Structures are given as structure tokens and as C-alpha cells.
Amino acid sequence: MLNFTNLIKTKSNKFKEKIIEDLWRLIISDKNLDFYETNLMRRICGLIYFPDKLSGEIKMRIMGKK
């Protein structure tokens, strides 16, 4: 796992944003968001040094609340 996260850490924020957006789309696709999925996303963001706030904004945008 560390090899993949180390590779992603070196990429631009735009690249990371696309990954996070795709992951949120996958998680939200079943219209059921639970604590474990949200926690997993928070951990992934931490591993690739992606801001939690931006991840939350992406999630809200995908859910149609922003």
C-alpha cells in the first residue's frame, strides 16, 4: 500500500482531486453512506496528503448539496 500512496503523494493536487472524486462517486453510488466509508476516505486523504476540507466539498458537490 505504501508504494501506491508514495507514488500518488508526488502527483499534483489536480491528479489527487480526480482520484478522490472517483472514490466518492463509487461510495455514493449506492445512495447509502455509512461511517466506515467516510472514515476510509478520511484515511485515504491523510495518506496522500489531500485536504479533508476539499474532500468534503467534493462529496457535497457529488451529492448535489452544493
N, C-alpha and C. Protein backbone atom coordinates (compact mmCIF):
# COMPACT_ATOMS: atom_id res chain seq x y z
N MET A 1 0.82 -1.19 0.00
CA MET A 1 0.00 0.00 0.00
C MET A 1 0.87 1.26 0.00
N LEU A 2 1.96 1.23 0.73
CA LEU A 2 2.82 2.41 0.82
C LEU A 2 3.43 2.78 -0.53
N ASN A 3 3.71 1.79 -1.36
CA ASN A 3 4.27 2.10 -2.68
C ASN A 3 3.29 2.92 -3.50
N PHE A 4 2.00 2.57 -3.42
CA PHE A 4 0.99 3.29 -4.18
C PHE A 4 0.79 4.70 -3.63
N THR A 5 0.71 4.82 -2.31
CA THR A 5 0.47 6.14 -1.74
C THR A 5 1.68 7.05 -1.94
N ASN A 6 2.88 6.50 -1.88
CA ASN A 6 4.08 7.31 -2.13
C ASN A 6 4.08 7.83 -3.56
N LEU A 7 3.65 7.02 -4.49
CA LEU A 7 3.57 7.44 -5.88
C LEU A 7 2.55 8.56 -6.06
N ILE A 8 1.40 8.42 -5.43
CA ILE A 8 0.34 9.42 -5.56
C ILE A 8 0.72 10.72 -4.85
N LYS A 9 1.42 10.63 -3.74
CA LYS A 9 1.83 11.83 -2.99
C LYS A 9 2.63 12.81 -3.84
N THR A 10 3.38 12.28 -4.79
CA THR A 10 4.24 13.13 -5.61
C THR A 10 3.48 13.82 -6.74
N LYS A 11 2.25 13.43 -6.97
CA LYS A 11 1.46 13.99 -8.07
C LYS A 11 0.83 15.32 -7.66
N SER A 12 0.27 16.01 -8.64
CA SER A 12 -0.36 17.31 -8.39
C SER A 12 -1.68 17.15 -7.63
N ASN A 13 -2.14 18.25 -7.03
CA ASN A 13 -3.42 18.22 -6.33
C ASN A 13 -4.57 17.94 -7.29
N LYS A 14 -4.45 18.37 -8.53
CA LYS A 14 -5.49 18.10 -9.53
C LYS A 14 -5.62 16.59 -9.76
N PHE A 15 -4.50 15.91 -9.83
CA PHE A 15 -4.49 14.46 -10.01
C PHE A 15 -5.14 13.77 -8.81
N LYS A 16 -4.75 14.21 -7.60
CA LYS A 16 -5.32 13.64 -6.38
C LYS A 16 -6.81 13.92 -6.30
N GLU A 17 -7.21 15.12 -6.72
CA GLU A 17 -8.62 15.50 -6.68
C GLU A 17 -9.46 14.56 -7.55
N LYS A 18 -8.94 14.19 -8.70
CA LYS A 18 -9.66 13.27 -9.59
C LYS A 18 -9.83 11.90 -8.93
N ILE A 19 -8.79 11.43 -8.26
CA ILE A 19 -8.87 10.15 -7.56
C ILE A 19 -9.92 10.21 -6.45
N ILE A 20 -9.89 11.26 -5.65
CA ILE A 20 -10.85 11.41 -4.55
C ILE A 20 -12.26 11.52 -5.10
N GLU A 21 -12.43 12.28 -6.17
CA GLU A 21 -13.76 12.42 -6.77
C GLU A 21 -14.29 11.07 -7.25
N ASP A 22 -13.46 10.29 -7.90
CA ASP A 22 -13.88 8.97 -8.38
C ASP A 22 -14.23 8.05 -7.22
N LEU A 23 -13.45 8.10 -6.16
CA LEU A 23 -13.74 7.27 -4.99
C LEU A 23 -15.07 7.68 -4.34
N TRP A 24 -15.32 9.00 -4.22
CA TRP A 24 -16.59 9.46 -3.66
C TRP A 24 -17.76 9.01 -4.53
N ARG A 25 -17.59 9.11 -5.85
CA ARG A 25 -18.67 8.65 -6.76
C ARG A 25 -18.97 7.18 -6.55
N LEU A 26 -17.94 6.39 -6.37
CA LEU A 26 -18.12 4.97 -6.12
C LEU A 26 -18.85 4.72 -4.80
N ILE A 27 -18.43 5.41 -3.76
CA ILE A 27 -19.04 5.24 -2.44
C ILE A 27 -20.49 5.69 -2.43
N ILE A 28 -20.78 6.80 -3.09
CA ILE A 28 -22.13 7.38 -3.06
C ILE A 28 -23.06 6.67 -4.05
N SER A 29 -22.53 5.87 -4.94
CA SER A 29 -23.34 5.25 -6.00
C SER A 29 -24.49 4.40 -5.46
N ASP A 30 -24.36 3.85 -4.28
CA ASP A 30 -25.45 3.02 -3.73
C ASP A 30 -26.43 3.82 -2.88
N LYS A 31 -26.25 5.15 -2.84
CA LYS A 31 -27.14 6.06 -2.10
C LYS A 31 -27.16 5.78 -0.60
N ASN A 32 -26.13 5.10 -0.13
CA ASN A 32 -26.06 4.77 1.29
C ASN A 32 -24.64 5.03 1.78
N LEU A 33 -24.49 6.07 2.58
CA LEU A 33 -23.19 6.44 3.10
C LEU A 33 -23.12 6.04 4.57
N ASP A 34 -22.13 5.27 4.94
CA ASP A 34 -22.01 4.93 6.35
C ASP A 34 -20.68 5.42 6.93
N PHE A 35 -20.55 5.27 8.21
CA PHE A 35 -19.39 5.76 8.95
C PHE A 35 -18.09 5.17 8.42
N TYR A 36 -18.10 3.89 8.09
CA TYR A 36 -16.87 3.21 7.68
C TYR A 36 -16.36 3.73 6.33
N GLU A 37 -17.28 4.02 5.43
CA GLU A 37 -16.88 4.57 4.14
C GLU A 37 -16.30 5.97 4.29
N THR A 38 -16.95 6.77 5.11
CA THR A 38 -16.47 8.13 5.35
C THR A 38 -15.11 8.10 6.04
N ASN A 39 -14.95 7.21 6.99
CA ASN A 39 -13.68 7.07 7.69
C ASN A 39 -12.58 6.60 6.74
N LEU A 40 -12.90 5.69 5.85
CA LEU A 40 -11.93 5.22 4.86
C LEU A 40 -11.45 6.37 3.98
N MET A 41 -12.37 7.21 3.55
CA MET A 41 -11.99 8.35 2.72
C MET A 41 -11.10 9.32 3.48
N ARG A 42 -11.40 9.54 4.74
CA ARG A 42 -10.57 10.43 5.55
C ARG A 42 -9.15 9.87 5.67
N ARG A 43 -9.05 8.57 5.85
CA ARG A 43 -7.73 7.94 5.96
C ARG A 43 -6.95 8.00 4.64
N ILE A 44 -7.66 7.76 3.54
CA ILE A 44 -7.01 7.84 2.23
C ILE A 44 -6.49 9.26 1.99
N CYS A 45 -7.31 10.24 2.32
CA CYS A 45 -6.87 11.64 2.16
C CYS A 45 -5.61 11.92 2.98
N GLY A 46 -5.56 11.39 4.17
CA GLY A 46 -4.38 11.56 5.00
C GLY A 46 -3.15 10.91 4.41
N LEU A 47 -3.32 9.74 3.83
CA LEU A 47 -2.19 9.01 3.25
C LEU A 47 -1.61 9.70 2.02
N ILE A 48 -2.46 10.38 1.25
CA ILE A 48 -1.96 11.02 0.03
C ILE A 48 -1.81 12.54 0.19
N TYR A 49 -1.95 13.02 1.43
CA TYR A 49 -1.82 14.45 1.74
C TYR A 49 -2.80 15.30 0.94
N PHE A 50 -4.07 14.91 1.01
CA PHE A 50 -5.14 15.66 0.35
C PHE A 50 -6.01 16.29 1.43
N PRO A 51 -6.33 17.57 1.33
CA PRO A 51 -7.08 18.26 2.39
C PRO A 51 -8.48 17.69 2.62
N ASP A 52 -8.82 17.43 3.88
CA ASP A 52 -10.14 16.92 4.24
C ASP A 52 -11.24 17.87 3.81
N LYS A 53 -10.99 19.16 3.94
CA LYS A 53 -11.99 20.15 3.58
C LYS A 53 -12.35 20.03 2.10
N LEU A 54 -11.36 19.90 1.25
CA LEU A 54 -11.61 19.77 -0.18
C LEU A 54 -12.32 18.45 -0.50
N SER A 55 -11.97 17.42 0.22
CA SER A 55 -12.65 16.13 0.05
C SER A 55 -14.13 16.27 0.41
N GLY A 56 -14.43 16.97 1.49
CA GLY A 56 -15.81 17.21 1.88
C GLY A 56 -16.57 18.02 0.85
N GLU A 57 -15.91 19.01 0.27
CA GLU A 57 -16.55 19.82 -0.77
C GLU A 57 -16.87 18.98 -2.00
N ILE A 58 -15.96 18.09 -2.35
CA ILE A 58 -16.19 17.20 -3.49
C ILE A 58 -17.38 16.28 -3.19
N LYS A 59 -17.42 15.75 -1.98
CA LYS A 59 -18.52 14.85 -1.60
C LYS A 59 -19.86 15.59 -1.69
N MET A 60 -19.93 16.81 -1.18
CA MET A 60 -21.17 17.57 -1.21
C MET A 60 -21.58 17.91 -2.64
N ARG A 61 -20.61 18.23 -3.46
CA ARG A 61 -20.91 18.55 -4.86
C ARG A 61 -21.49 17.33 -5.57
N ILE A 62 -20.91 16.17 -5.33
CA ILE A 62 -21.39 14.93 -5.97
C ILE A 62 -22.79 14.58 -5.45
N MET A 63 -23.02 14.81 -4.19
CA MET A 63 -24.33 14.51 -3.62
C MET A 63 -25.39 15.53 -4.04
N GLY A 64 -24.95 16.61 -4.68
CA GLY A 64 -25.88 17.61 -5.16
C GLY A 64 -26.33 18.60 -4.11
N LYS A 65 -25.54 18.74 -3.06
CA LYS A 65 -25.91 19.63 -1.97
C LYS A 65 -25.16 20.95 -2.03
N LYS A 66 -24.42 21.17 -3.11
CA LYS A 66 -23.69 22.42 -3.21
C LYS A 66 -23.69 22.92 -4.62
